[in-house]
């Protein structure tokens, strides 16, 4: 939501370009996380949706970099938002690496173990 609020100050000529892109990618991070959770009973689908979320998160950082380069963001706002994006990326990565912690109990019992 902070990205949305900040993007309100972007120039009108960016409405269908940078403003639209940064809003879409930042919202997609959350949407893909929600979709991944609904797919948690299938580890491959879960990880795939998490990967989509990670991609959108990375895209958001690129748009933040463009906003800084175009001087629509000051350095402190850019730095703060990039740190948040990186933190979200770390959480998504943790979820991908430890997907079994987020699956259903039934599915966890069906996953092969190291002793299997």
Protein backbone atom coordinates (compact mmCIF):
# COMPACT_ATOMS: atom_id res chain seq x y z
CA UNK A 1 0.00 0.00 0.00
CA UNK A 2 2.93 2.32 0.59
CA UNK A 3 4.02 1.87 -3.02
CA UNK A 4 0.49 2.78 -4.12
CA UNK A 5 0.47 5.90 -1.94
CA UNK A 6 3.88 7.03 -3.17
CA UNK A 7 2.96 6.38 -6.80
CA UNK A 8 0.12 8.90 -6.47
CA UNK A 9 2.77 11.61 -6.63
CA UNK A 10 4.28 10.35 -9.90
CA UNK A 11 3.72 12.63 -12.92
CA UNK A 12 0.49 12.21 -14.89
CA UNK A 13 2.45 11.21 -18.01
CA UNK A 14 3.60 8.09 -16.10
CA UNK A 15 0.01 6.95 -15.43
CA UNK A 16 0.06 4.17 -18.05
CA UNK A 17 3.74 3.43 -17.70
CA UNK A 18 5.74 3.46 -14.48
CA UNK A 19 2.79 4.16 -12.17
CA UNK A 20 0.72 1.33 -13.59
CA UNK A 21 3.65 -1.11 -13.67
CA UNK A 22 4.82 -0.52 -10.10
CA UNK A 23 1.28 -0.78 -8.78
CA UNK A 24 0.63 -4.02 -10.65
CA UNK A 25 3.86 -5.72 -9.61
CA UNK A 26 3.62 -4.70 -5.95
CA UNK A 27 0.02 -5.92 -5.75
CA UNK A 28 0.90 -9.14 -7.54
CA UNK A 29 3.38 -10.08 -4.81
CA UNK A 30 0.52 -10.45 -2.33
CA UNK A 31 -1.86 -12.00 -4.87
CA UNK A 32 0.68 -14.67 -5.81
CA UNK A 33 1.35 -15.42 -2.14
CA UNK A 34 -2.37 -15.94 -1.63
CA UNK A 35 -2.54 -18.24 -4.65
CA UNK A 36 0.49 -20.18 -3.41
CA UNK A 37 -1.14 -20.80 -0.06
CA UNK A 38 -4.24 -22.19 -1.78
CA UNK A 39 -1.92 -24.55 -3.70
CA UNK A 40 0.00 -25.67 -0.61
CA UNK A 41 -1.22 -29.27 -0.85
CA UNK A 42 0.90 -29.68 -3.97
CA UNK A 43 4.52 -28.71 -3.29
CA UNK A 44 5.34 -28.13 -6.97
CA UNK A 45 2.39 -25.76 -7.45
CA UNK A 46 3.13 -24.06 -4.13
CA UNK A 47 6.74 -23.39 -5.06
CA UNK A 48 5.75 -22.29 -8.56
CA UNK A 49 3.37 -19.65 -7.20
CA UNK A 50 5.97 -18.55 -4.66
CA UNK A 51 8.41 -18.19 -7.54
CA UNK A 52 5.86 -15.97 -9.32
CA UNK A 53 5.58 -13.87 -6.18
CA UNK A 54 9.37 -13.58 -5.98
CA UNK A 55 9.49 -12.49 -9.62
CA UNK A 56 6.88 -9.77 -9.02
CA UNK A 57 8.76 -8.65 -5.93
CA UNK A 58 11.97 -8.33 -7.94
CA UNK A 59 10.10 -6.43 -10.64
CA UNK A 60 8.83 -4.01 -8.02
CA UNK A 61 12.42 -3.28 -7.02
CA UNK A 62 13.31 -2.52 -10.64
CA UNK A 63 10.41 -0.04 -10.88
CA UNK A 64 11.55 1.55 -7.61
CA UNK A 65 15.01 1.94 -9.16
CA UNK A 66 13.46 3.62 -12.21
CA UNK A 67 11.42 5.92 -9.95
CA UNK A 68 14.63 6.94 -8.18
CA UNK A 69 16.47 7.49 -11.48
CA UNK A 70 13.58 9.64 -12.74
CA UNK A 71 13.67 11.56 -9.43
CA UNK A 72 10.10 10.59 -8.49
CA UNK A 73 11.48 9.14 -5.23
CA UNK A 74 14.10 10.59 -2.96
CA UNK A 75 17.01 8.45 -1.78
CA UNK A 76 15.59 7.79 1.69
CA UNK A 77 12.20 6.61 0.40
CA UNK A 78 13.89 4.43 -2.21
CA UNK A 79 16.25 2.90 0.34
CA UNK A 80 13.43 2.20 2.79
CA UNK A 81 11.23 0.57 0.15
CA UNK A 82 14.08 -1.48 -1.31
CA UNK A 83 14.88 -2.81 2.17
CA UNK A 84 11.24 -3.86 2.51
CA UNK A 85 11.29 -5.52 -0.92
CA UNK A 86 14.47 -7.38 0.02
CA UNK A 87 12.92 -8.49 3.32
CA UNK A 88 9.87 -9.83 1.50
CA UNK A 89 12.19 -11.61 -0.92
CA UNK A 90 13.98 -13.32 1.97
CA UNK A 91 10.66 -14.50 3.40
CA UNK A 92 9.52 -15.86 0.04
CA UNK A 93 12.86 -17.62 -0.40
CA UNK A 94 12.51 -19.19 3.06
CA UNK A 95 9.05 -20.43 2.12
CA UNK A 96 10.38 -22.00 -1.08
CA UNK A 97 13.28 -23.67 0.70
CA UNK A 98 11.06 -24.94 3.55
CA UNK A 99 7.82 -25.49 1.69
CA UNK A 100 6.95 -28.48 3.85
CA UNK A 101 6.43 -26.14 6.81
CA UNK A 102 3.55 -24.48 4.95
CA UNK A 103 1.76 -27.53 3.53
CA UNK A 104 -1.16 -29.44 4.97
CA UNK A 105 -0.50 -32.13 7.57
CA UNK A 106 -1.84 -34.75 5.20
CA UNK A 107 0.59 -33.70 2.48
CA UNK A 108 3.50 -33.47 4.90
CA UNK A 109 2.90 -37.08 5.91
CA UNK A 110 2.98 -38.12 2.24
CA UNK A 111 6.23 -36.34 1.42
CA UNK A 112 9.26 -38.59 1.29
CA UNK A 113 11.63 -38.28 4.21
CA UNK A 114 15.38 -38.63 4.20
CA UNK A 115 15.05 -42.17 5.56
CA UNK A 116 12.60 -43.21 2.79
